[in-house]
Every structure is written in C-alpha cells, then in structure tokens.
N, C-alpha and C. Protein backbone atom coordinates (compact mmCIF):
# COMPACT_ATOMS: atom_id res chain seq x y z
N UNK A 1 125.21 -37.35 -38.21
CA UNK A 1 123.78 -37.47 -38.31
C UNK A 1 123.38 -38.17 -39.61
N UNK A 2 124.00 -37.79 -40.71
CA UNK A 2 123.67 -38.40 -41.99
C UNK A 2 124.07 -39.87 -42.02
N UNK A 3 125.15 -40.18 -41.36
CA UNK A 3 125.60 -41.57 -41.29
C UNK A 3 124.55 -42.42 -40.56
N UNK A 4 123.98 -41.88 -39.50
CA UNK A 4 122.93 -42.60 -38.76
C UNK A 4 121.71 -42.85 -39.65
N UNK A 5 121.31 -41.84 -40.41
CA UNK A 5 120.15 -41.99 -41.29
C UNK A 5 120.42 -42.99 -42.41
N UNK A 6 121.64 -42.97 -42.96
CA UNK A 6 121.98 -43.95 -44.00
C UNK A 6 121.95 -45.37 -43.45
N UNK A 7 122.49 -45.56 -42.25
CA UNK A 7 122.47 -46.89 -41.63
C UNK A 7 121.04 -47.33 -41.33
N UNK A 8 120.21 -46.39 -40.90
CA UNK A 8 118.82 -46.71 -40.61
C UNK A 8 118.09 -47.12 -41.88
N UNK A 9 118.40 -46.47 -42.98
CA UNK A 9 117.78 -46.79 -44.25
C UNK A 9 118.22 -48.16 -44.76
N UNK A 10 119.43 -48.56 -44.47
CA UNK A 10 119.95 -49.85 -44.92
C UNK A 10 119.37 -51.02 -44.13
N UNK A 11 118.94 -50.76 -42.91
CA UNK A 11 118.44 -51.84 -42.05
C UNK A 11 117.00 -52.16 -42.42
N UNK A 12 116.81 -53.10 -43.33
CA UNK A 12 115.47 -53.45 -43.82
C UNK A 12 114.74 -54.42 -42.89
N UNK A 13 115.47 -55.16 -42.07
CA UNK A 13 114.82 -56.12 -41.17
C UNK A 13 113.94 -55.40 -40.16
N UNK A 14 114.44 -54.31 -39.62
CA UNK A 14 113.66 -53.56 -38.65
C UNK A 14 112.41 -52.96 -39.27
N UNK A 15 112.54 -52.47 -40.49
CA UNK A 15 111.40 -51.88 -41.18
C UNK A 15 110.33 -52.93 -41.46
N UNK A 16 110.77 -54.12 -41.85
CA UNK A 16 109.82 -55.19 -42.12
C UNK A 16 109.08 -55.60 -40.85
N UNK A 17 109.81 -55.67 -39.75
CA UNK A 17 109.18 -56.03 -38.48
C UNK A 17 108.16 -54.99 -38.07
N UNK A 18 108.49 -53.73 -38.27
CA UNK A 18 107.55 -52.66 -37.93
C UNK A 18 106.32 -52.72 -38.82
N UNK A 19 106.51 -53.00 -40.10
CA UNK A 19 105.37 -53.12 -41.01
C UNK A 19 104.44 -54.26 -40.59
N UNK A 20 105.01 -55.40 -40.24
CA UNK A 20 104.18 -56.52 -39.79
C UNK A 20 103.45 -56.17 -38.49
N UNK A 21 104.12 -55.45 -37.62
CA UNK A 21 103.48 -55.02 -36.38
C UNK A 21 102.31 -54.09 -36.64
N UNK A 22 102.48 -53.17 -37.58
CA UNK A 22 101.39 -52.26 -37.92
C UNK A 22 100.22 -52.99 -38.57
N UNK A 23 100.52 -53.96 -39.42
CA UNK A 23 99.45 -54.75 -40.04
C UNK A 23 98.69 -55.54 -38.98
N UNK A 24 99.41 -56.15 -38.05
CA UNK A 24 98.75 -56.90 -36.98
C UNK A 24 97.87 -55.99 -36.12
N UNK A 25 98.35 -54.79 -35.84
CA UNK A 25 97.56 -53.85 -35.06
C UNK A 25 96.30 -53.44 -35.81
N UNK A 26 96.41 -53.23 -37.12
CA UNK A 26 95.24 -52.87 -37.92
C UNK A 26 94.22 -53.99 -37.95
N UNK A 27 94.67 -55.21 -38.10
CA UNK A 27 93.76 -56.36 -38.10
C UNK A 27 93.07 -56.48 -36.75
N UNK A 28 93.80 -56.26 -35.66
CA UNK A 28 93.21 -56.34 -34.33
C UNK A 28 92.15 -55.26 -34.13
N UNK A 29 92.43 -54.06 -34.58
CA UNK A 29 91.45 -52.97 -34.45
C UNK A 29 90.20 -53.28 -35.27
N UNK A 30 90.37 -53.81 -36.47
CA UNK A 30 89.22 -54.16 -37.31
C UNK A 30 88.40 -55.28 -36.67
N UNK A 31 89.06 -56.28 -36.10
CA UNK A 31 88.35 -57.38 -35.46
C UNK A 31 87.57 -56.90 -34.24
N UNK A 32 88.18 -56.06 -33.44
CA UNK A 32 87.50 -55.53 -32.26
C UNK A 32 86.30 -54.69 -32.68
N UNK A 33 86.46 -53.89 -33.71
CA UNK A 33 85.35 -53.08 -34.21
C UNK A 33 84.19 -53.93 -34.71
N UNK A 34 84.51 -54.99 -35.44
CA UNK A 34 83.46 -55.87 -35.95
C UNK A 34 82.74 -56.59 -34.82
N UNK A 35 83.50 -57.07 -33.84
CA UNK A 35 82.88 -57.77 -32.72
C UNK A 35 81.99 -56.83 -31.90
N UNK A 36 82.42 -55.60 -31.74
CA UNK A 36 81.62 -54.63 -31.01
C UNK A 36 80.33 -54.32 -31.76
N UNK A 37 80.43 -54.17 -33.07
CA UNK A 37 79.26 -53.84 -33.87
C UNK A 37 78.26 -54.99 -33.91
N UNK A 38 78.75 -56.20 -34.01
CA UNK A 38 77.86 -57.36 -34.10
C UNK A 38 77.42 -57.89 -32.74
N UNK A 39 78.10 -57.50 -31.70
CA UNK A 39 77.83 -58.06 -30.37
C UNK A 39 76.40 -57.86 -29.92
N UNK A 40 75.87 -56.67 -30.07
CA UNK A 40 74.51 -56.38 -29.62
C UNK A 40 73.46 -57.17 -30.37
N UNK A 41 73.58 -57.24 -31.69
CA UNK A 41 72.58 -57.96 -32.47
C UNK A 41 72.67 -59.46 -32.23
N UNK A 42 73.88 -59.99 -32.06
CA UNK A 42 74.01 -61.42 -31.77
C UNK A 42 73.42 -61.75 -30.40
N UNK A 43 73.59 -60.85 -29.45
CA UNK A 43 73.03 -61.08 -28.12
C UNK A 43 71.50 -61.12 -28.21
N UNK A 44 70.91 -60.24 -28.99
CA UNK A 44 69.46 -60.25 -29.16
C UNK A 44 68.97 -61.52 -29.84
N UNK A 45 69.68 -61.96 -30.86
CA UNK A 45 69.27 -63.16 -31.60
C UNK A 45 69.33 -64.39 -30.69
N UNK A 46 70.44 -64.57 -29.97
CA UNK A 46 70.56 -65.73 -29.11
C UNK A 46 69.64 -65.64 -27.90
N UNK A 47 69.36 -64.44 -27.43
CA UNK A 47 68.41 -64.27 -26.34
C UNK A 47 67.01 -64.68 -26.74
N UNK A 48 66.60 -64.31 -27.94
CA UNK A 48 65.28 -64.71 -28.45
C UNK A 48 65.19 -66.22 -28.65
N UNK A 49 66.25 -66.81 -29.19
CA UNK A 49 66.27 -68.27 -29.37
C UNK A 49 66.18 -68.97 -28.02
N UNK A 50 66.89 -68.47 -27.03
CA UNK A 50 66.86 -69.06 -25.69
C UNK A 50 65.47 -68.95 -25.09
N UNK A 51 64.83 -67.82 -25.28
CA UNK A 51 63.48 -67.62 -24.75
C UNK A 51 62.49 -68.59 -25.39
N UNK A 52 62.60 -68.78 -26.69
CA UNK A 52 61.70 -69.70 -27.38
C UNK A 52 61.94 -71.15 -26.95
N UNK A 53 63.19 -71.51 -26.73
CA UNK A 53 63.48 -72.87 -26.26
C UNK A 53 62.94 -73.09 -24.85
N UNK A 54 63.07 -72.09 -23.99
CA UNK A 54 62.52 -72.21 -22.64
C UNK A 54 61.00 -72.33 -22.67
N UNK A 55 60.34 -71.56 -23.52
CA UNK A 55 58.89 -71.65 -23.65
C UNK A 55 58.47 -73.03 -24.15
N UNK A 56 59.20 -73.56 -25.11
CA UNK A 56 58.88 -74.89 -25.64
C UNK A 56 59.08 -75.96 -24.58
N UNK A 57 60.11 -75.83 -23.78
CA UNK A 57 60.37 -76.81 -22.72
C UNK A 57 59.28 -76.75 -21.66
N UNK A 58 58.86 -75.56 -21.28
CA UNK A 58 57.79 -75.41 -20.30
C UNK A 58 56.50 -76.00 -20.83
N UNK A 59 56.18 -75.75 -22.08
CA UNK A 59 54.97 -76.29 -22.69
C UNK A 59 55.02 -77.81 -22.72
N UNK A 60 56.16 -78.37 -23.04
CA UNK A 60 56.28 -79.83 -23.12
C UNK A 60 56.16 -80.46 -21.74
N UNK A 61 56.66 -79.80 -20.70
CA UNK A 61 56.61 -80.36 -19.35
C UNK A 61 55.21 -80.29 -18.77
N UNK A 62 54.49 -79.22 -19.02
CA UNK A 62 53.16 -79.06 -18.44
C UNK A 62 52.08 -79.67 -19.31
N UNK A 63 52.35 -79.91 -20.54
CA UNK A 63 51.36 -80.46 -21.44
C UNK A 63 50.36 -79.42 -21.89
N UNK A 64 50.61 -78.19 -21.53
CA UNK A 64 49.70 -77.12 -21.93
C UNK A 64 50.09 -76.66 -23.32
N UNK A 65 49.20 -76.87 -24.19
CA UNK A 65 49.48 -76.44 -25.54
C UNK A 65 48.19 -76.45 -26.32
N UNK A 66 48.12 -75.66 -27.28
CA UNK A 66 46.94 -75.62 -28.12
C UNK A 66 47.28 -76.36 -29.40
N UNK A 67 46.43 -77.25 -29.74
CA UNK A 67 46.67 -77.98 -30.96
C UNK A 67 45.37 -78.53 -31.49
N UNK A 68 45.28 -78.60 -32.73
CA UNK A 68 44.11 -79.17 -33.37
C UNK A 68 44.60 -80.09 -34.45
N UNK A 69 43.98 -81.20 -34.52
CA UNK A 69 44.40 -82.12 -35.55
C UNK A 69 43.29 -83.12 -35.83
N UNK A 70 43.31 -83.64 -36.96
CA UNK A 70 42.34 -84.65 -37.34
C UNK A 70 43.09 -85.80 -37.96
N UNK A 71 42.68 -86.95 -37.60
CA UNK A 71 43.34 -88.10 -38.17
C UNK A 71 42.30 -89.09 -38.67
N UNK A 72 42.59 -89.70 -39.72
CA UNK A 72 41.70 -90.70 -40.26
C UNK A 72 42.55 -91.86 -40.71
N UNK A 73 42.11 -93.00 -40.37
CA UNK A 73 42.88 -94.14 -40.80
C UNK A 73 42.07 -95.40 -40.60
N UNK A 74 42.41 -96.33 -41.28
CA UNK A 74 41.72 -97.60 -41.14
C UNK A 74 42.74 -98.69 -41.31
N UNK A 75 42.50 -99.74 -40.65
CA UNK A 75 43.44 -100.81 -40.80
C UNK A 75 42.80 -102.12 -40.40
N UNK A 76 43.34 -103.12 -40.90
CA UNK A 76 42.87 -104.45 -40.54
C UNK A 76 44.06 -105.21 -40.03
N UNK A 77 43.88 -105.83 -38.92
CA UNK A 77 44.98 -106.56 -38.35
C UNK A 77 44.61 -108.02 -38.21
N UNK A 78 45.59 -108.79 -38.16
CA UNK A 78 45.31 -110.21 -38.02
C UNK A 78 45.84 -110.70 -36.70
N UNK A 79 45.39 -111.73 -36.32
CA UNK A 79 45.84 -112.33 -35.08
C UNK A 79 44.68 -113.02 -34.41
N UNK A 80 44.97 -114.09 -33.76
CA UNK A 80 43.87 -114.82 -33.12
C UNK A 80 43.80 -114.54 -31.63
N UNK A 81 44.66 -113.66 -31.14
CA UNK A 81 44.57 -113.29 -29.75
C UNK A 81 45.19 -114.29 -28.80
N UNK A 82 45.84 -115.31 -29.28
CA UNK A 82 46.41 -116.28 -28.36
C UNK A 82 47.84 -116.00 -28.05
C-alpha cells in the first residue's frame, strides 16, 4: 500500500493534468455564471433597441412624425436660364 502511495506521489504529470482540468472547470463555471447573470439584462437592452429601431422605421415609411423647424436663408444665384 505504501509503495502505491509513493509511486502516486512521484507521478507529477498526472497531478498537473488534474490541476489544469480543475482550473478549466472553474473557468467554465465562472463563465456560465456570468452569462446567466448578464443574459436577462442584455436581452432587455437589445429588445428596447430593436423596438426603437422598428418604431423609427415605421415612422420613416409612413411619414408620420412630429417635427417643428424654422429655416431662414437667402441666396442669390446667377444664370440666364438658357
């Protein structure tokens, strides 16, 4: 039994592989947690942006819009009309 434990302790390649596996699993869990936490708020943000773009497109197609503006300008042009 002790011989098995000594051999297991000497085998550093297996330990390194297990450590990398644990680190990868931790990173995956953190990434999934972050995506889950941000998923709802990102969906709301992009949904609102989509709604505003659709409203703007509808307004542009129908020409229905409220706007007020004043313009003043003067100009002199040349040309003899021929």
